[in-house]
Amino acid sequence: MKSIHSLLAIALLSACAMTASAQHGESVAPEPASPALLEHFYREIQKWDTGLPTTPGASASMSQAMRESEFMTTRNQLRQIGVKAWPLSPRVADLLLRTERNQYNLAWILTDMTPESPATPETVAALTSKYQTANAADRLVALAQLGKTRHLAAVPLLRSAATADEPVVRLVAYIALAYAGNADPEAAAAALGAGLTDREKHARTGAVNSLRLLGVKAQSAAPALGEYLKTRDNVFQATAALKVMPLSYLRPRKPELESILAESRLTEFQKRDTVEILMRLESEK
């Protein structure tokens, strides 16, 4: 694991790069968080992902529960500092490549700490080159950066990456389309709709959550969302994406939505957006 001194060097280099960008009038990330704080966050992420012991002598189930609780605290803290955690991105991407169970959470952590990139064709071209030539971890970072350009020119590459052989590449591409996809919602909706049948659950979850974030702009994917809902793969995410769709689409699916309320294996939390959709349908009567 890189030392705190390595993180300090990365943070200083990032600060210098941001200063140079600012001099050229480009949008830049804020000054990175302190290396000590970043090192703490990375240790906590790594401990959660690898299942390192939390308390000596604790049972396996208790240790797991404590790790999850500690991780939620870390996750909320990372959301608060956002792109100030950017120097950690190469290490998070490397961990994302090696994880066996937490790809979805780590992919969103990587995305959350990725700053907005200048929305220019030149930036997209440079990041495309990085994606095509860099090592595996830096390719994931480049995909996250391409999403944060929010530029039309990034969409074709992200759509291509969404069909890559590597599940983790597809996952990060799906998430990146939640951002760049606003520039071409039809193209993004097509890629994300196809992603709902991805063979990997983490990737499917990334696709459906990105459709939720695109909202009504992605309404052309509504039929694919309806089919995905039938699989019960992730009822909460599917209905969260569906609830922003036009009532004209939701109306014919009322029986399917009502059937969800009768399923005892689903929690009230999982049914929450189903209830909201049905209430919208009731309000139009």
Protein backbone atom coordinates (compact mmCIF):
# COMPACT_ATOMS: atom_id res chain seq x y z
CA MET A 1 0.00 0.00 0.00
CA LYS A 2 1.31 3.41 -0.86
CA SER A 3 2.56 5.40 2.09
CA ILE A 4 1.19 8.69 3.31
CA HIS A 5 4.25 10.29 1.72
CA SER A 6 3.21 8.95 -1.69
CA LEU A 7 -0.26 10.38 -1.17
CA LEU A 8 1.26 13.72 -0.25
CA ALA A 9 3.21 13.70 -3.52
CA ILE A 10 0.05 12.84 -5.49
CA ALA A 11 -1.90 15.58 -3.73
CA LEU A 12 0.83 18.13 -4.46
CA LEU A 13 0.96 17.12 -8.12
CA SER A 14 -2.83 17.38 -8.31
CA ALA A 15 -2.73 20.83 -6.79
CA CYS A 16 -0.11 21.94 -9.33
CA ALA A 17 -2.15 20.54 -12.21
CA MET A 18 -5.27 22.29 -10.95
CA THR A 19 -3.39 25.57 -10.69
CA ALA A 20 -2.20 25.23 -14.30
CA SER A 21 -5.73 24.43 -15.47
CA ALA A 22 -7.12 27.42 -13.63
CA GLN A 23 -4.62 29.64 -15.42
CA HIS A 24 -6.07 28.40 -18.72
CA GLY A 25 -9.61 29.19 -17.64
CA GLU A 26 -10.71 25.54 -17.22
CA SER A 27 -13.01 24.27 -14.49
CA VAL A 28 -11.01 22.44 -11.83
CA ALA A 29 -11.50 20.36 -8.71
CA PRO A 30 -10.96 21.94 -5.30
CA GLU A 31 -7.74 21.43 -3.42
CA PRO A 32 -7.42 17.76 -2.34
CA ALA A 33 -8.16 16.70 1.22
CA SER A 34 -5.19 16.14 3.51
CA PRO A 35 -3.09 13.04 2.76
CA ALA A 36 -3.65 11.75 6.29
CA LEU A 37 -7.43 11.89 5.86
CA LEU A 38 -7.24 10.27 2.43
CA GLU A 39 -5.07 7.48 3.79
CA HIS A 40 -7.63 6.89 6.55
CA PHE A 41 -10.44 6.65 4.00
CA TYR A 42 -8.51 4.19 1.86
CA ARG A 43 -7.76 1.95 4.85
CA GLU A 44 -11.45 1.93 5.74
CA ILE A 45 -12.52 1.08 2.18
CA GLN A 46 -9.93 -1.68 1.96
CA LYS A 47 -10.88 -3.10 5.35
CA TRP A 48 -14.53 -3.24 4.34
CA ASP A 49 -13.87 -4.79 0.95
CA THR A 50 -11.36 -7.43 2.00
CA GLY A 51 -13.17 -8.40 5.19
CA LEU A 52 -10.28 -7.57 7.49
CA PRO A 53 -11.04 -8.19 11.19
CA THR A 54 -12.74 -5.34 12.99
CA THR A 55 -12.63 -6.48 16.60
CA PRO A 56 -10.42 -9.35 17.86
CA GLY A 57 -12.57 -12.14 19.28
CA ALA A 58 -15.79 -10.98 17.62
CA SER A 59 -17.88 -13.54 15.76
CA ALA A 60 -17.84 -13.54 11.97
CA SER A 61 -21.40 -12.19 11.76
CA MET A 62 -20.69 -9.48 14.32
CA SER A 63 -17.49 -8.46 12.55
CA GLN A 64 -19.35 -8.26 9.25
CA ALA A 65 -22.08 -6.11 10.77
CA MET A 66 -19.49 -3.80 12.31
CA ARG A 67 -17.61 -3.53 9.01
CA GLU A 68 -20.81 -2.60 7.19
CA SER A 69 -21.67 0.01 9.81
CA GLU A 70 -18.19 1.51 9.70
CA PHE A 71 -18.26 1.51 5.90
CA MET A 72 -21.55 3.42 5.79
CA THR A 73 -19.94 6.07 7.96
CA THR A 74 -16.93 6.22 5.63
CA ARG A 75 -19.20 6.25 2.56
CA ASN A 76 -21.13 9.24 3.87
CA GLN A 77 -17.91 11.05 4.74
CA LEU A 78 -16.56 10.42 1.23
CA ARG A 79 -19.75 11.84 -0.24
CA GLN A 80 -19.26 14.96 1.86
CA ILE A 81 -15.71 15.64 0.64
CA GLY A 82 -16.54 14.46 -2.90
CA VAL A 83 -13.89 15.33 -5.47
CA LYS A 84 -11.44 16.38 -2.77
CA ALA A 85 -10.74 12.64 -2.52
CA TRP A 86 -9.62 12.59 -6.19
CA PRO A 87 -5.97 11.56 -5.43
CA LEU A 88 -7.35 8.21 -4.21
CA SER A 89 -8.90 7.36 -7.59
CA PRO A 90 -6.07 5.16 -8.98
CA ARG A 91 -6.05 3.06 -5.82
CA VAL A 92 -9.83 2.76 -5.70
CA ALA A 93 -9.80 1.73 -9.37
CA ASP A 94 -7.17 -0.90 -8.61
CA LEU A 95 -9.24 -2.22 -5.72
CA LEU A 96 -12.29 -2.22 -8.00
CA LEU A 97 -10.44 -4.50 -10.41
CA ARG A 98 -9.57 -6.94 -7.63
CA THR A 99 -12.80 -7.01 -5.64
CA GLU A 100 -14.94 -10.13 -5.68
CA ARG A 101 -18.12 -8.75 -4.17
CA ASN A 102 -18.26 -4.95 -3.98
CA GLN A 103 -17.88 -3.72 -7.54
CA TYR A 104 -21.04 -1.62 -7.48
CA ASN A 105 -20.16 0.40 -4.37
CA LEU A 106 -16.53 0.87 -5.38
CA ALA A 107 -17.54 2.00 -8.88
CA TRP A 108 -19.75 4.70 -7.39
CA ILE A 109 -17.03 5.74 -4.96
CA LEU A 110 -14.70 6.17 -7.94
CA THR A 111 -17.34 8.20 -9.78
CA ASP A 112 -18.14 10.40 -6.79
CA MET A 113 -14.49 11.39 -6.33
CA THR A 114 -13.99 12.14 -10.05
CA PRO A 115 -14.07 15.90 -10.70
CA GLU A 116 -15.89 17.53 -13.61
CA SER A 117 -13.69 17.57 -16.71
CA PRO A 118 -13.68 20.42 -19.22
CA ALA A 119 -16.55 19.83 -21.68
CA THR A 120 -14.46 20.12 -24.83
CA PRO A 121 -13.75 17.79 -27.77
CA GLU A 122 -10.05 18.07 -26.93
CA THR A 123 -10.63 16.74 -23.41
CA VAL A 124 -12.73 13.86 -24.74
CA ALA A 125 -10.03 13.01 -27.28
CA ALA A 126 -7.31 13.00 -24.62
CA LEU A 127 -9.36 10.81 -22.27
CA THR A 128 -10.26 8.47 -25.13
CA SER A 129 -6.56 8.01 -25.83
CA LYS A 130 -5.96 7.37 -22.14
CA TYR A 131 -8.71 4.75 -22.09
CA GLN A 132 -7.30 3.00 -25.14
CA THR A 133 -3.65 2.93 -24.05
CA ALA A 134 -3.48 3.02 -20.25
CA ASN A 135 -3.26 0.18 -17.76
CA ALA A 136 -6.43 -1.46 -16.49
CA ALA A 137 -6.94 0.77 -13.43
CA ASP A 138 -6.30 4.00 -15.33
CA ARG A 139 -8.77 2.88 -18.02
CA LEU A 140 -11.50 2.81 -15.36
CA VAL A 141 -10.45 6.27 -14.17
CA ALA A 142 -10.61 7.51 -17.77
CA LEU A 143 -14.16 6.17 -18.19
CA ALA A 144 -15.26 7.98 -15.04
CA GLN A 145 -13.62 11.17 -16.32
CA LEU A 146 -15.29 10.80 -19.72
CA GLY A 147 -18.65 10.65 -17.99
CA LYS A 148 -17.86 13.80 -16.06
CA THR A 149 -17.14 15.73 -19.27
CA ARG A 150 -20.92 15.48 -19.88
CA HIS A 151 -20.00 15.93 -23.55
CA LEU A 152 -21.80 14.49 -26.57
CA ALA A 153 -18.50 13.24 -28.01
CA ALA A 154 -17.95 10.96 -25.00
CA VAL A 155 -21.16 8.98 -25.53
CA PRO A 156 -20.03 6.73 -28.43
CA LEU A 157 -16.96 5.51 -26.54
CA LEU A 158 -18.98 4.92 -23.38
CA ARG A 159 -21.55 2.94 -25.37
CA SER A 160 -18.72 0.85 -26.80
CA ALA A 161 -17.22 0.31 -23.33
CA ALA A 162 -20.65 -0.82 -22.14
CA THR A 163 -20.23 -3.87 -24.39
CA ALA A 164 -16.67 -4.71 -23.25
CA ASP A 165 -15.76 -8.23 -22.21
CA GLU A 166 -14.77 -7.13 -18.70
CA PRO A 167 -17.81 -6.75 -16.39
CA VAL A 168 -16.14 -4.01 -14.36
CA VAL A 169 -15.53 -1.93 -17.51
CA ARG A 170 -19.19 -2.28 -18.46
CA LEU A 171 -20.25 -1.25 -14.95
CA VAL A 172 -18.16 1.93 -14.92
CA ALA A 173 -19.33 2.74 -18.46
CA TYR A 174 -22.99 2.38 -17.45
CA ILE A 175 -22.44 4.74 -14.53
CA ALA A 176 -20.54 7.24 -16.69
CA LEU A 177 -23.51 7.30 -19.09
CA ALA A 178 -25.64 8.70 -16.26
CA TYR A 179 -23.61 11.89 -16.68
CA ALA A 180 -22.49 12.16 -20.32
CA GLY A 181 -25.79 10.57 -21.38
CA ASN A 182 -27.60 13.84 -20.75
CA ALA A 183 -25.98 15.10 -23.95
CA ASP A 184 -27.56 12.26 -25.97
CA PRO A 185 -30.35 10.66 -23.90
CA GLU A 186 -31.61 8.43 -26.72
CA ALA A 187 -28.21 6.82 -27.25
CA ALA A 188 -27.62 6.51 -23.52
CA ALA A 189 -31.07 5.00 -22.95
CA ALA A 190 -30.42 2.39 -25.64
CA ALA A 191 -27.14 1.32 -24.04
CA LEU A 192 -28.55 1.31 -20.52
CA GLY A 193 -31.71 -0.52 -21.56
CA ALA A 194 -29.51 -3.25 -23.05
CA GLY A 195 -27.53 -3.23 -19.81
CA LEU A 196 -30.59 -4.40 -17.89
CA THR A 197 -29.95 -7.87 -19.33
CA ASP A 198 -26.22 -7.82 -18.58
CA ARG A 199 -25.05 -11.20 -17.28
CA GLU A 200 -23.53 -9.62 -14.17
CA LYS A 201 -25.78 -8.32 -11.38
CA HIS A 202 -23.42 -5.46 -10.43
CA ALA A 203 -23.53 -4.23 -14.02
CA ARG A 204 -27.32 -4.55 -14.27
CA THR A 205 -27.66 -2.54 -11.08
CA GLY A 206 -25.37 0.14 -12.49
CA ALA A 207 -27.48 0.35 -15.65
CA VAL A 208 -30.81 0.65 -13.86
CA ASN A 209 -29.55 3.26 -11.42
CA SER A 210 -28.15 5.30 -14.30
CA LEU A 211 -31.58 5.20 -15.95
CA ARG A 212 -33.01 6.53 -12.69
CA LEU A 213 -30.52 9.40 -12.73
CA LEU A 214 -31.27 10.25 -16.38
CA GLY A 215 -34.96 10.30 -15.47
CA VAL A 216 -37.64 11.12 -18.01
CA LYS A 217 -34.97 11.86 -20.63
CA ALA A 218 -34.47 8.10 -20.82
CA GLN A 219 -38.12 7.25 -21.33
CA SER A 220 -37.33 5.29 -24.49
CA ALA A 221 -35.87 2.66 -22.14
CA ALA A 222 -39.21 2.34 -20.30
CA PRO A 223 -40.19 -0.92 -22.05
CA ALA A 224 -36.85 -2.48 -21.07
CA LEU A 225 -37.43 -1.28 -17.49
CA GLY A 226 -40.84 -2.96 -17.49
CA GLU A 227 -39.28 -6.28 -18.55
CA TYR A 228 -36.53 -5.86 -15.99
CA LEU A 229 -39.08 -5.30 -13.24
CA LYS A 230 -40.66 -8.66 -14.05
CA THR A 231 -37.37 -10.41 -13.20
CA ARG A 232 -37.49 -8.98 -9.64
CA ASP A 233 -33.70 -8.64 -9.91
CA ASN A 234 -33.79 -5.28 -8.10
CA VAL A 235 -37.33 -4.09 -7.47
CA PHE A 236 -36.25 -0.97 -5.59
CA GLN A 237 -33.96 0.34 -8.33
CA ALA A 238 -36.38 -0.62 -11.12
CA THR A 239 -39.35 1.18 -9.58
CA ALA A 240 -37.17 4.19 -8.67
CA ALA A 241 -36.35 4.50 -12.38
CA LEU A 242 -39.93 3.86 -13.46
CA LYS A 243 -41.60 6.37 -11.19
CA VAL A 244 -40.37 9.34 -13.24
CA MET A 245 -41.77 7.89 -16.46
CA PRO A 246 -44.94 9.31 -18.07
CA LEU A 247 -48.24 8.04 -16.69
CA SER A 248 -49.17 6.84 -20.17
CA TYR A 249 -46.44 4.23 -19.87
CA LEU A 250 -47.13 3.31 -16.25
CA ARG A 251 -50.89 2.89 -16.63
CA PRO A 252 -50.81 -0.45 -18.52
CA ARG A 253 -48.38 -1.84 -15.94
CA LYS A 254 -50.61 -1.24 -12.98
CA PRO A 255 -51.40 -4.97 -12.45
CA GLU A 256 -47.69 -5.80 -12.39
CA LEU A 257 -47.05 -3.02 -9.90
CA GLU A 258 -49.94 -4.13 -7.70
CA SER A 259 -48.58 -7.66 -7.64
CA ILE A 260 -45.40 -6.35 -6.03
CA LEU A 261 -47.34 -5.15 -2.99
CA ALA A 262 -48.55 -8.70 -2.35
CA GLU A 263 -45.06 -10.24 -2.33
CA SER A 264 -44.17 -11.02 1.26
CA ARG A 265 -40.50 -11.58 0.51
CA LEU A 266 -40.09 -7.92 -0.39
CA THR A 267 -39.54 -5.33 2.33
CA GLU A 268 -41.54 -2.14 2.73
CA PHE A 269 -38.43 -0.25 1.68
CA GLN A 270 -38.28 -2.22 -1.58
CA LYS A 271 -41.97 -1.47 -2.19
CA ARG A 272 -41.73 2.24 -1.40
CA ASP A 273 -41.56 3.56 -4.96
CA THR A 274 -44.16 1.06 -6.14
CA VAL A 275 -46.57 2.64 -3.68
CA GLU A 276 -45.69 6.12 -4.97
CA ILE A 277 -46.33 5.07 -8.57
CA LEU A 278 -49.69 3.56 -7.70
CA MET A 279 -50.62 6.70 -5.78
CA ARG A 280 -49.81 8.76 -8.89
CA LEU A 281 -52.10 6.53 -10.88
CA GLU A 282 -54.87 6.88 -8.28
CA SER A 283 -54.56 10.68 -8.30
CA GLU A 284 -55.47 10.87 -11.98
CA LYS A 285 -58.86 9.25 -11.45
